[in-house]
C-alpha cells in the first residue's frame, strides 16, 4: 500500500509530542523520485509508526526547530512484496519534522541514529 495523493495535496499524520503534522504531496514526490529513496513509498506503515511511536526523538544539532523521529526497522520494503531485514543501510527509519510549522521536511532509511540532543524519551538525570 502506498500513500495516495490523487485527491489531496497534503495528509495529516499523528506524531508523538506534536499532535498532527502535514506530509505534502510535493515533499513525498521529491523523496520518492530520488533513486536512493524511491522505495520509501512502499513503507507507509513504517512512516506512520515512526511518527506515532518512535524509539527516539532528537533535536537537530544546527536547527532546534527540527526534530528527528527515529525508529529501528524490523522490516523495510524495497518493493511491495520484497523486504529486507537487518541490512545496515536500512537499520533505522528517520523522519525530519519542522516542529514549529508542523510539517514533514523529509524521510529516509539510514544506518545510524542521527540528530543532536534527545528530547524523547527523556533521559534520566542523576
C-alpha atoms as a PDB file:
ATOM      1  CA  UNK A   1       0.000   0.000   0.000  1.00  0.00           C
ATOM      2  CA  UNK A   2       1.320   3.431  -0.902  1.00  0.00           C
ATOM      3  CA  UNK A   3       0.310   6.895   0.143  1.00  0.00           C
ATOM      4  CA  UNK A   4      -2.364   8.313  -2.168  1.00  0.00           C
ATOM      5  CA  UNK A   5      -2.283  11.991  -3.096  1.00  0.00           C
ATOM      6  CA  UNK A   6      -4.663  11.671  -6.047  1.00  0.00           C
ATOM      7  CA  UNK A   7      -7.393  13.723  -4.337  1.00  0.00           C
ATOM      8  CA  UNK A   8      -5.412  15.845  -1.830  1.00  0.00           C
ATOM      9  CA  UNK A   9      -2.275  17.999  -1.696  1.00  0.00           C
ATOM     10  CA  UNK A  10      -1.316  17.034   1.856  1.00  0.00           C
ATOM     11  CA  UNK A  11      -2.066  14.448   4.530  1.00  0.00           C
ATOM     12  CA  UNK A  12      -2.214  14.929   8.293  1.00  0.00           C
ATOM     13  CA  UNK A  13      -0.340  12.267  10.231  1.00  0.00           C
ATOM     14  CA  UNK A  14      -0.342  11.798  14.001  1.00  0.00           C
ATOM     15  CA  UNK A  15       3.040  12.493  15.619  1.00  0.00           C
ATOM     16  CA  UNK A  16       4.191  11.988  19.212  1.00  0.00           C
ATOM     17  CA  UNK A  17       4.755  15.289  21.071  1.00  0.00           C
ATOM     18  CA  UNK A  18       3.372  17.424  18.235  1.00  0.00           C
ATOM     19  CA  UNK A  19      -0.158  16.160  17.625  1.00  0.00           C
ATOM     20  CA  UNK A  20      -0.530  16.150  13.841  1.00  0.00           C
ATOM     21  CA  UNK A  21       1.991  17.025  11.141  1.00  0.00           C
ATOM     22  CA  UNK A  22       1.468  17.543   7.428  1.00  0.00           C
ATOM     23  CA  UNK A  23       3.043  15.488   4.681  1.00  0.00           C
ATOM     24  CA  UNK A  24       2.736  17.421   1.437  1.00  0.00           C
ATOM     25  CA  UNK A  25       2.393  15.871  -1.973  1.00  0.00           C
ATOM     26  CA  UNK A  26       5.427  17.913  -3.073  1.00  0.00           C
ATOM     27  CA  UNK A  27       7.667  16.575  -0.277  1.00  0.00           C
ATOM     28  CA  UNK A  28       6.562  12.987  -0.829  1.00  0.00           C
ATOM     29  CA  UNK A  29       7.086  13.274  -4.583  1.00  0.00           C
ATOM     30  CA  UNK A  30      10.541  14.800  -4.089  1.00  0.00           C
ATOM     31  CA  UNK A  31      11.595  11.965  -1.760  1.00  0.00           C
ATOM     32  CA  UNK A  32      10.210   9.116  -3.838  1.00  0.00           C
ATOM     33  CA  UNK A  33      11.566  10.411  -7.145  1.00  0.00           C
ATOM     34  CA  UNK A  34      15.147  10.110  -5.898  1.00  0.00           C
ATOM     35  CA  UNK A  35      16.717   6.808  -6.959  1.00  0.00           C
ATOM     36  CA  UNK A  36      18.202   6.280  -3.481  1.00  0.00           C
ATOM     37  CA  UNK A  37      14.838   6.754  -1.715  1.00  0.00           C
ATOM     38  CA  UNK A  38      12.171   5.716  -4.207  1.00  0.00           C
ATOM     39  CA  UNK A  39      11.322   2.693  -2.012  1.00  0.00           C
ATOM     40  CA  UNK A  40      10.049   4.975   0.788  1.00  0.00           C
ATOM     41  CA  UNK A  41       6.675   4.882  -0.990  1.00  0.00           C
ATOM     42  CA  UNK A  42       6.350   1.193  -0.064  1.00  0.00           C
ATOM     43  CA  UNK A  43       6.785   1.913   3.656  1.00  0.00           C
ATOM     44  CA  UNK A  44       3.674   3.880   4.577  1.00  0.00           C
ATOM     45  CA  UNK A  45       3.121   1.847   7.746  1.00  0.00           C
ATOM     46  CA  UNK A  46       6.718   2.398   8.875  1.00  0.00           C
ATOM     47  CA  UNK A  47       6.332   6.141   8.280  1.00  0.00           C
ATOM     48  CA  UNK A  48       3.212   6.214  10.467  1.00  0.00           C
ATOM     49  CA  UNK A  49       4.819   4.039  13.178  1.00  0.00           C
ATOM     50  CA  UNK A  50       7.918   6.228  13.234  1.00  0.00           C
ATOM     51  CA  UNK A  51       5.834   9.341  13.848  1.00  0.00           C
ATOM     52  CA  UNK A  52       3.386   7.799  16.327  1.00  0.00           C
ATOM     53  CA  UNK A  53       5.714   5.518  18.246  1.00  0.00           C
ATOM     54  CA  UNK A  54       9.353   6.484  17.645  1.00  0.00           C
ATOM     55  CA  UNK A  55      12.232   4.916  19.504  1.00  0.00           C
ATOM     56  CA  UNK A  56      13.797   8.378  19.770  1.00  0.00           C
ATOM     57  CA  UNK A  57      13.013  11.987  19.014  1.00  0.00           C
ATOM     58  CA  UNK A  58      16.133  14.109  18.685  1.00  0.00           C
ATOM     59  CA  UNK A  59      16.625  17.802  18.076  1.00  0.00           C
ATOM     60  CA  UNK A  60      18.721  18.814  15.078  1.00  0.00           C
ATOM     61  CA  UNK A  61      22.200  19.987  16.116  1.00  0.00           C
ATOM     62  CA  UNK A  62      22.022  23.013  13.840  1.00  0.00           C
ATOM     63  CA  UNK A  63      18.324  23.884  13.939  1.00  0.00           C
ATOM     64  CA  UNK A  64      16.405  23.335  17.211  1.00  0.00           C
ATOM     65  CA  UNK A  65      13.132  23.739  15.278  1.00  0.00           C
ATOM     66  CA  UNK A  66      13.726  20.397  13.533  1.00  0.00           C
ATOM     67  CA  UNK A  67      13.013  17.054  15.174  1.00  0.00           C
ATOM     68  CA  UNK A  68      14.402  13.715  14.005  1.00  0.00           C
ATOM     69  CA  UNK A  69      11.821  10.963  14.576  1.00  0.00           C
ATOM     70  CA  UNK A  70      13.755   7.690  14.592  1.00  0.00           C
ATOM     71  CA  UNK A  71      12.534   4.085  14.579  1.00  0.00           C
ATOM     72  CA  UNK A  72      14.593   0.910  14.395  1.00  0.00           C
ATOM     73  CA  UNK A  73      13.283  -1.124  11.487  1.00  0.00           C
ATOM     74  CA  UNK A  74      12.274  -4.748  11.714  1.00  0.00           C
ATOM     75  CA  UNK A  75      11.133  -4.909   8.092  1.00  0.00           C
ATOM     76  CA  UNK A  76      11.733  -2.485   5.247  1.00  0.00           C
ATOM     77  CA  UNK A  77      10.012  -2.827   1.855  1.00  0.00           C
ATOM     78  CA  UNK A  78      12.121  -2.329  -1.254  1.00  0.00           C
ATOM     79  CA  UNK A  79       9.146  -3.270  -3.448  1.00  0.00           C
ATOM     80  CA  UNK A  80       5.542  -4.054  -2.461  1.00  0.00           C
ATOM     81  CA  UNK A  81       6.354  -7.728  -1.775  1.00  0.00           C
ATOM     82  CA  UNK A  82      10.121  -7.607  -1.260  1.00  0.00           C
ATOM     83  CA  UNK A  83      11.532  -6.832   2.170  1.00  0.00           C
ATOM     84  CA  UNK A  84      14.960  -6.591   3.681  1.00  0.00           C
ATOM     85  CA  UNK A  85      15.799  -7.277   7.312  1.00  0.00           C
ATOM     86  CA  UNK A  86      18.950  -6.389   9.254  1.00  0.00           C
ATOM     87  CA  UNK A  87      20.655  -4.655   6.383  1.00  0.00           C
ATOM     88  CA  UNK A  88      22.940  -1.904   7.685  1.00  0.00           C
ATOM     89  CA  UNK A  89      21.650   0.684   5.224  1.00  0.00           C
ATOM     90  CA  UNK A  90      18.049   0.223   6.386  1.00  0.00           C
ATOM     91  CA  UNK A  91      18.597  -0.190  10.135  1.00  0.00           C
ATOM     92  CA  UNK A  92      16.690   2.970  11.130  1.00  0.00           C
ATOM     93  CA  UNK A  93      13.897   4.952   9.525  1.00  0.00           C
ATOM     94  CA  UNK A  94      14.105   8.699  10.098  1.00  0.00           C
ATOM     95  CA  UNK A  95      11.517  11.416   9.542  1.00  0.00           C
ATOM     96  CA  UNK A  96      12.525  15.081   9.861  1.00  0.00           C
ATOM     97  CA  UNK A  97       9.756  17.370  11.101  1.00  0.00           C
ATOM     98  CA  UNK A  98       9.629  21.141  11.420  1.00  0.00           C
ATOM     99  CA  UNK A  99       8.170  21.350  14.924  1.00  0.00           C
ATOM    100  CA  UNK A 100       7.009  24.968  14.603  1.00  0.00           C
ATOM    101  CA  UNK A 101       5.294  24.710  11.237  1.00  0.00           C
ATOM    102  CA  UNK A 102       4.188  21.095  11.865  1.00  0.00           C
ATOM    103  CA  UNK A 103       5.216  19.592   8.553  1.00  0.00           C
ATOM    104  CA  UNK A 104       7.451  16.772   7.389  1.00  0.00           C
ATOM    105  CA  UNK A 105      10.643  18.009   5.754  1.00  0.00           C
ATOM    106  CA  UNK A 106      11.953  14.657   4.520  1.00  0.00           C
ATOM    107  CA  UNK A 107      12.236  10.960   5.364  1.00  0.00           C
ATOM    108  CA  UNK A 108      14.777   8.239   4.710  1.00  0.00           C
ATOM    109  CA  UNK A 109      16.224   4.935   5.903  1.00  0.00           C
ATOM    110  CA  UNK A 110      19.703   5.129   7.398  1.00  0.00           C
ATOM    111  CA  UNK A 111      22.358   3.011   9.063  1.00  0.00           C
ATOM    112  CA  UNK A 112      22.808   5.036  12.264  1.00  0.00           C
ATOM    113  CA  UNK A 113      20.963   7.351  14.631  1.00  0.00           C
ATOM    114  CA  UNK A 114      21.354  10.977  13.639  1.00  0.00           C
ATOM    115  CA  UNK A 115      20.400  14.241  15.313  1.00  0.00           C
ATOM    116  CA  UNK A 116      21.551  16.053  18.397  1.00  0.00           C
ATOM    117  CA  UNK A 117      20.003  16.354  21.839  1.00  0.00           C
ATOM    118  CA  UNK A 118      17.481  13.662  22.688  1.00  0.00           C
ATOM    119  CA  UNK A 119      14.066  15.138  23.564  1.00  0.00           C
ATOM    120  CA  UNK A 120      12.123  11.881  23.858  1.00  0.00           C
ATOM    121  CA  UNK A 121      12.204   9.637  25.735  1.00  0.00           C
ATOM    122  CA  UNK A 122      13.601  11.907  28.405  1.00  0.00           C
ATOM    123  CA  UNK A 123      16.925  10.695  29.676  1.00  0.00           C
ATOM    124  CA  UNK A 124      17.178  10.200  33.455  1.00  0.00           C
ATOM    125  CA  UNK A 125      19.017  12.981  35.189  1.00  0.00           C
ATOM    126  CA  UNK A 126      21.179  11.948  38.131  1.00  0.00           C
END
